[in-house]
């Protein structure tokens, strides 16, 4: 098997989440040194490091609050101090709350945007500085959602935060072009496990009825797409939202 990311160092936020774990494992399987963040689940972070290292890879977990500028700066600095460089950033950390608009409080809106949007901004700012300083190009992959692209029955604050990530991707790609840093976004549809495990049966059935694949996606499928976008195979792909939803 050709390892697409040999010699690269990847920084993945939300690495102990259902999707983040699969991304970390897939990047390691493709030869990347992997740094991933976690917020509270240190046991799962330690286990993920062990699994990557047992397979012959290199891994580092970083406890990080992506909404804290201080925490982000310290975490990225620690990662750079160990590996010397970061070639790939995957902004995967995110949250959602399943509730209708009348029940969403201002605090709920602020928390969702703080993690999903502000967190993406803070981490990207720190990592982009390293990439620019290294003058070796790079790849940034943001995790959006079809919730920010389609008329779907999803929480409005979550959909709005993911639409913000799409706009962030376009503007950032334009700004970082001069440094040969590519910026793309993956917009998954309903995935097995993770957030998808908490949706109502009515919403699940509606997705399956309108999805040409007739099933939810697998997080591994999104992880493989992220590997492709991070690799030299995608060197001519920039400022794109790649939808991975089975065909809605």
Foldseek 3Di string as FASTA:
>chain_A
DAQQQAPAEEEEEPCLFQLNVLLQQNNLVSHYAYEYEDAPCVVSVVVSQVVSVVVPHHYHYAHADLLDLVRLLVRVVVVCVVVVAHAEYEHDWFDFDFDEPVPDDPVNLVVRLSGLPVSVVSNCVNRVVRLLVVLPAHEYEYEAACLLVDPAPGHPSNNVSRVVVLVVQQVVQVVCVVSNYAGEYEHEYQEPDGPNVPDDPVRLVVLLVQAQQSHHHYSNVVSVVSSCRRGVVVSVDGSYYHYHYNHD
